[in-house]
Amino acid sequence: MPELSVGENMFLGRPPTKPGGRVDWPTLYAESRRLLAQLGLVLDPRTPINQLGIGQQQLVEIARALGKKAELLILDEPTAALSNDEIEVLIKLIEALKARGVTIIYISHKL
């Protein structure tokens, strides 16, 4: 959702709530920062997602999956839009997820 913030995209459809059903914004942003930090991203979760580059948007999506405690992660050409530094972060993340028992399907045309 390009008009929403990084944090709103990360918790789309499942925001943390306060009693009465209101969104708990401080928790949403704090948890977003924590998940982004796992990927080495230092982003303000209030930043509109459309202000990020494609590579950063892709890493935000991976952080979103981490927040859901995904047991299976399917990555289709995940490095196509990433810089070399972002690729290194992604590879380290994949190794860490693998060590935690997450199943990863990695699709790439790069040999």
N, C-alpha and C. Protein backbone atom coordinates (compact mmCIF):
# COMPACT_ATOMS: atom_id res chain seq x y z
N MET A 1 0.84 -1.16 0.00
CA MET A 1 0.00 0.00 0.00
C MET A 1 0.89 1.24 0.00
N PRO A 2 1.15 1.82 -1.15
CA PRO A 2 2.15 2.88 -1.27
C PRO A 2 1.89 4.14 -0.44
N GLU A 3 0.65 4.44 -0.14
CA GLU A 3 0.36 5.66 0.62
C GLU A 3 0.50 5.46 2.12
N LEU A 4 0.55 4.22 2.57
CA LEU A 4 0.68 3.94 4.00
C LEU A 4 2.14 3.99 4.41
N SER A 5 2.35 4.08 5.71
CA SER A 5 3.71 4.13 6.24
C SER A 5 4.34 2.74 6.23
N VAL A 6 5.63 2.72 6.48
CA VAL A 6 6.36 1.45 6.60
C VAL A 6 5.70 0.58 7.67
N GLY A 7 5.49 1.16 8.84
CA GLY A 7 4.89 0.41 9.95
C GLY A 7 3.49 -0.07 9.64
N GLU A 8 2.68 0.78 9.02
CA GLU A 8 1.32 0.37 8.66
C GLU A 8 1.33 -0.77 7.67
N ASN A 9 2.26 -0.75 6.71
CA ASN A 9 2.38 -1.85 5.75
C ASN A 9 2.82 -3.13 6.45
N MET A 10 3.73 -3.00 7.41
CA MET A 10 4.23 -4.19 8.09
C MET A 10 3.14 -4.89 8.92
N PHE A 11 2.18 -4.12 9.42
CA PHE A 11 1.14 -4.68 10.27
C PHE A 11 -0.25 -4.59 9.64
N LEU A 12 -0.28 -4.50 8.33
CA LEU A 12 -1.53 -4.40 7.59
C LEU A 12 -2.43 -5.59 7.92
N GLY A 13 -3.63 -5.28 8.38
CA GLY A 13 -4.59 -6.33 8.70
C GLY A 13 -4.43 -6.96 10.06
N ARG A 14 -3.38 -6.58 10.80
CA ARG A 14 -3.16 -7.17 12.11
C ARG A 14 -2.41 -6.21 13.04
N PRO A 15 -2.87 -4.97 13.14
CA PRO A 15 -2.15 -4.02 13.98
C PRO A 15 -2.33 -4.36 15.46
N PRO A 16 -1.32 -4.03 16.28
CA PRO A 16 -1.52 -4.20 17.72
C PRO A 16 -2.59 -3.21 18.17
N THR A 17 -3.45 -3.63 19.08
CA THR A 17 -4.55 -2.78 19.49
C THR A 17 -4.57 -2.58 21.00
N LYS A 18 -5.20 -1.49 21.39
CA LYS A 18 -5.46 -1.17 22.79
C LYS A 18 -6.86 -1.67 23.12
N PRO A 19 -7.18 -1.72 24.41
CA PRO A 19 -8.56 -2.07 24.76
C PRO A 19 -9.53 -1.13 24.03
N GLY A 20 -10.57 -1.68 23.52
CA GLY A 20 -11.53 -0.90 22.74
C GLY A 20 -11.28 -1.00 21.25
N GLY A 21 -10.18 -1.66 20.86
CA GLY A 21 -9.92 -1.89 19.45
C GLY A 21 -9.13 -0.82 18.73
N ARG A 22 -8.69 0.23 19.43
CA ARG A 22 -7.91 1.28 18.77
C ARG A 22 -6.48 0.79 18.52
N VAL A 23 -5.88 1.25 17.43
CA VAL A 23 -4.51 0.86 17.10
C VAL A 23 -3.56 1.40 18.15
N ASP A 24 -2.66 0.55 18.61
CA ASP A 24 -1.62 0.94 19.56
C ASP A 24 -0.41 1.40 18.76
N TRP A 25 -0.39 2.67 18.36
CA TRP A 25 0.64 3.21 17.49
C TRP A 25 2.04 3.10 18.08
N PRO A 26 2.26 3.43 19.35
CA PRO A 26 3.62 3.29 19.89
C PRO A 26 4.16 1.86 19.78
N THR A 27 3.31 0.88 20.05
CA THR A 27 3.72 -0.53 19.93
C THR A 27 3.98 -0.89 18.47
N LEU A 28 3.11 -0.46 17.58
CA LEU A 28 3.27 -0.75 16.16
C LEU A 28 4.61 -0.22 15.65
N TYR A 29 4.93 1.03 16.00
CA TYR A 29 6.18 1.62 15.52
C TYR A 29 7.40 1.00 16.20
N ALA A 30 7.31 0.70 17.48
CA ALA A 30 8.43 0.07 18.19
C ALA A 30 8.72 -1.32 17.62
N GLU A 31 7.67 -2.08 17.40
CA GLU A 31 7.85 -3.44 16.85
C GLU A 31 8.37 -3.37 15.41
N SER A 32 7.91 -2.38 14.66
CA SER A 32 8.41 -2.19 13.29
C SER A 32 9.91 -1.91 13.32
N ARG A 33 10.33 -1.02 14.21
CA ARG A 33 11.77 -0.70 14.33
C ARG A 33 12.58 -1.95 14.67
N ARG A 34 12.06 -2.76 15.60
CA ARG A 34 12.76 -3.97 16.02
C ARG A 34 12.93 -4.94 14.85
N LEU A 35 11.87 -5.15 14.08
CA LEU A 35 11.92 -6.07 12.94
C LEU A 35 12.84 -5.53 11.85
N LEU A 36 12.77 -4.24 11.59
CA LEU A 36 13.64 -3.64 10.58
C LEU A 36 15.10 -3.74 10.99
N ALA A 37 15.37 -3.58 12.28
CA ALA A 37 16.75 -3.67 12.77
C ALA A 37 17.33 -5.05 12.53
N GLN A 38 16.49 -6.08 12.56
CA GLN A 38 16.97 -7.44 12.27
C GLN A 38 17.53 -7.55 10.86
N LEU A 39 17.07 -6.66 9.99
CA LEU A 39 17.54 -6.65 8.61
C LEU A 39 18.63 -5.59 8.39
N GLY A 40 19.02 -4.93 9.46
CA GLY A 40 20.02 -3.88 9.32
C GLY A 40 19.47 -2.59 8.76
N LEU A 41 18.16 -2.44 8.78
CA LEU A 41 17.53 -1.23 8.25
C LEU A 41 17.24 -0.25 9.38
N VAL A 42 17.68 0.96 9.21
CA VAL A 42 17.37 2.02 10.16
C VAL A 42 16.43 2.98 9.43
N LEU A 43 15.16 2.70 9.56
CA LEU A 43 14.13 3.51 8.88
C LEU A 43 13.13 3.99 9.92
N ASP A 44 12.59 5.17 9.70
CA ASP A 44 11.49 5.64 10.53
C ASP A 44 10.24 4.92 10.05
N PRO A 45 9.60 4.13 10.91
CA PRO A 45 8.41 3.39 10.49
C PRO A 45 7.24 4.28 10.06
N ARG A 46 7.36 5.59 10.32
CA ARG A 46 6.30 6.52 9.90
C ARG A 46 6.50 6.99 8.45
N THR A 47 7.62 6.63 7.84
CA THR A 47 7.92 7.03 6.47
C THR A 47 6.94 6.36 5.50
N PRO A 48 6.33 7.13 4.60
CA PRO A 48 5.48 6.49 3.58
C PRO A 48 6.32 5.51 2.74
N ILE A 49 5.78 4.35 2.52
CA ILE A 49 6.53 3.30 1.81
C ILE A 49 6.91 3.74 0.41
N ASN A 50 6.10 4.64 -0.21
CA ASN A 50 6.41 5.06 -1.57
C ASN A 50 7.61 6.01 -1.63
N GLN A 51 8.15 6.40 -0.49
CA GLN A 51 9.36 7.22 -0.47
C GLN A 51 10.63 6.37 -0.40
N LEU A 52 10.48 5.06 -0.33
CA LEU A 52 11.62 4.15 -0.28
C LEU A 52 11.93 3.61 -1.67
N GLY A 53 13.17 3.21 -1.85
CA GLY A 53 13.56 2.55 -3.09
C GLY A 53 12.95 1.15 -3.13
N ILE A 54 12.96 0.55 -4.31
CA ILE A 54 12.38 -0.78 -4.48
C ILE A 54 13.07 -1.81 -3.58
N GLY A 55 14.40 -1.73 -3.48
CA GLY A 55 15.13 -2.67 -2.63
C GLY A 55 14.72 -2.57 -1.18
N GLN A 56 14.58 -1.35 -0.68
CA GLN A 56 14.15 -1.16 0.71
C GLN A 56 12.72 -1.64 0.90
N GLN A 57 11.86 -1.40 -0.08
CA GLN A 57 10.48 -1.88 0.02
C GLN A 57 10.46 -3.40 0.12
N GLN A 58 11.32 -4.04 -0.64
CA GLN A 58 11.38 -5.50 -0.62
C GLN A 58 11.85 -6.00 0.76
N LEU A 59 12.83 -5.33 1.34
CA LEU A 59 13.30 -5.71 2.67
C LEU A 59 12.23 -5.47 3.73
N VAL A 60 11.43 -4.43 3.56
CA VAL A 60 10.31 -4.20 4.48
C VAL A 60 9.32 -5.36 4.40
N GLU A 61 9.08 -5.88 3.21
CA GLU A 61 8.18 -7.03 3.06
C GLU A 61 8.75 -8.26 3.77
N ILE A 62 10.05 -8.44 3.70
CA ILE A 62 10.67 -9.57 4.40
C ILE A 62 10.53 -9.37 5.91
N ALA A 63 10.73 -8.14 6.38
CA ALA A 63 10.55 -7.83 7.81
C ALA A 63 9.10 -8.12 8.23
N ARG A 64 8.16 -7.83 7.33
CA ARG A 64 6.75 -8.11 7.61
C ARG A 64 6.54 -9.61 7.84
N ALA A 65 7.17 -10.42 7.00
CA ALA A 65 7.06 -11.87 7.15
C ALA A 65 7.68 -12.32 8.47
N LEU A 66 8.79 -11.69 8.86
CA LEU A 66 9.40 -12.03 10.15
C LEU A 66 8.45 -11.73 11.30
N GLY A 67 7.73 -10.62 11.17
CA GLY A 67 6.78 -10.24 12.21
C GLY A 67 5.64 -11.22 12.35
N LYS A 68 5.35 -11.94 11.29
CA LYS A 68 4.29 -12.95 11.32
C LYS A 68 4.82 -14.29 11.81
N LYS A 69 6.12 -14.34 12.11
CA LYS A 69 6.77 -15.58 12.55
C LYS A 69 6.57 -16.69 11.53
N ALA A 70 6.79 -16.33 10.27
CA ALA A 70 6.60 -17.27 9.17
C ALA A 70 7.52 -18.49 9.33
N GLU A 71 6.98 -19.65 9.04
CA GLU A 71 7.77 -20.88 9.06
C GLU A 71 8.26 -21.24 7.67
N LEU A 72 7.68 -20.62 6.66
CA LEU A 72 8.06 -20.83 5.27
C LEU A 72 8.17 -19.47 4.61
N LEU A 73 9.29 -19.23 3.96
CA LEU A 73 9.51 -17.97 3.26
C LEU A 73 9.88 -18.30 1.82
N ILE A 74 9.06 -17.82 0.89
CA ILE A 74 9.32 -18.03 -0.53
C ILE A 74 9.83 -16.72 -1.11
N LEU A 75 11.05 -16.72 -1.58
CA LEU A 75 11.69 -15.53 -2.12
C LEU A 75 11.89 -15.73 -3.61
N ASP A 76 11.16 -14.97 -4.40
CA ASP A 76 11.24 -15.06 -5.86
C ASP A 76 12.08 -13.89 -6.37
N GLU A 77 13.28 -14.18 -6.82
CA GLU A 77 14.22 -13.17 -7.32
C GLU A 77 14.42 -12.04 -6.29
N PRO A 78 14.75 -12.39 -5.04
CA PRO A 78 14.83 -11.36 -4.00
C PRO A 78 15.98 -10.38 -4.19
N THR A 79 16.99 -10.75 -4.94
CA THR A 79 18.14 -9.85 -5.08
C THR A 79 18.06 -8.97 -6.32
N ALA A 80 17.04 -9.15 -7.14
CA ALA A 80 16.95 -8.43 -8.41
C ALA A 80 17.02 -6.91 -8.25
N ALA A 81 16.38 -6.38 -7.22
CA ALA A 81 16.32 -4.92 -7.06
C ALA A 81 17.19 -4.42 -5.89
N LEU A 82 18.04 -5.31 -5.35
CA LEU A 82 18.84 -4.93 -4.19
C LEU A 82 20.25 -4.50 -4.57
N SER A 83 20.80 -3.60 -3.77
CA SER A 83 22.21 -3.21 -3.94
C SER A 83 23.08 -4.33 -3.37
N ASN A 84 24.38 -4.26 -3.61
CA ASN A 84 25.29 -5.28 -3.08
C ASN A 84 25.23 -5.33 -1.56
N ASP A 85 25.16 -4.17 -0.91
CA ASP A 85 25.08 -4.14 0.55
C ASP A 85 23.78 -4.79 1.03
N GLU A 86 22.68 -4.50 0.35
CA GLU A 86 21.40 -5.10 0.72
C GLU A 86 21.40 -6.60 0.47
N ILE A 87 22.09 -7.05 -0.56
CA ILE A 87 22.19 -8.49 -0.83
C ILE A 87 22.94 -9.18 0.31
N GLU A 88 24.01 -8.57 0.78
CA GLU A 88 24.76 -9.14 1.91
C GLU A 88 23.88 -9.26 3.14
N VAL A 89 23.08 -8.23 3.41
CA VAL A 89 22.16 -8.27 4.55
C VAL A 89 21.16 -9.40 4.36
N LEU A 90 20.63 -9.54 3.16
CA LEU A 90 19.65 -10.59 2.88
C LEU A 90 20.26 -11.98 3.07
N ILE A 91 21.46 -12.20 2.59
CA ILE A 91 22.11 -13.51 2.72
C ILE A 91 22.33 -13.84 4.19
N LYS A 92 22.78 -12.86 4.98
CA LYS A 92 22.96 -13.09 6.42
C LYS A 92 21.63 -13.39 7.10
N LEU A 93 20.60 -12.70 6.67
CA LEU A 93 19.27 -12.95 7.23
C LEU A 93 18.80 -14.36 6.89
N ILE A 94 18.99 -14.78 5.66
CA ILE A 94 18.60 -16.13 5.25
C ILE A 94 19.32 -17.17 6.09
N GLU A 95 20.61 -16.95 6.33
CA GLU A 95 21.38 -17.88 7.16
C GLU A 95 20.83 -17.93 8.58
N ALA A 96 20.48 -16.77 9.14
CA ALA A 96 19.93 -16.72 10.50
C ALA A 96 18.57 -17.41 10.57
N LEU A 97 17.74 -17.18 9.55
CA LEU A 97 16.42 -17.82 9.52
C LEU A 97 16.56 -19.33 9.39
N LYS A 98 17.48 -19.75 8.57
CA LYS A 98 17.74 -21.19 8.40
C LYS A 98 18.15 -21.81 9.73
N ALA A 99 18.99 -21.11 10.48
CA ALA A 99 19.43 -21.61 11.78
C ALA A 99 18.26 -21.72 12.77
N ARG A 100 17.23 -20.89 12.58
CA ARG A 100 16.04 -20.92 13.44
C ARG A 100 15.03 -21.96 13.00
N GLY A 101 15.32 -22.63 11.88
CA GLY A 101 14.42 -23.67 11.41
C GLY A 101 13.38 -23.20 10.41
N VAL A 102 13.52 -21.98 9.89
CA VAL A 102 12.58 -21.49 8.89
C VAL A 102 12.94 -22.13 7.55
N THR A 103 11.93 -22.63 6.85
CA THR A 103 12.12 -23.20 5.53
C THR A 103 12.12 -22.06 4.52
N ILE A 104 13.11 -22.05 3.64
CA ILE A 104 13.24 -20.98 2.66
C ILE A 104 13.31 -21.58 1.26
N ILE A 105 12.44 -21.11 0.40
CA ILE A 105 12.50 -21.45 -1.02
C ILE A 105 13.02 -20.21 -1.72
N TYR A 106 14.16 -20.35 -2.34
CA TYR A 106 14.86 -19.21 -2.96
C TYR A 106 14.89 -19.43 -4.46
N ILE A 107 14.20 -18.58 -5.18
CA ILE A 107 14.13 -18.70 -6.64
C ILE A 107 15.03 -17.63 -7.25
N SER A 108 15.94 -18.06 -8.10
CA SER A 108 16.85 -17.11 -8.74
C SER A 108 17.24 -17.61 -10.12
N HIS A 109 17.47 -16.66 -11.03
CA HIS A 109 17.97 -17.02 -12.34
C HIS A 109 19.47 -16.79 -12.44
N LYS A 110 20.05 -16.27 -11.37
CA LYS A 110 21.50 -16.05 -11.36
C LYS A 110 22.18 -17.37 -11.07
N LEU A 111 23.14 -17.72 -11.89
CA LEU A 111 23.89 -18.93 -11.66
C LEU A 111 25.17 -18.53 -11.01
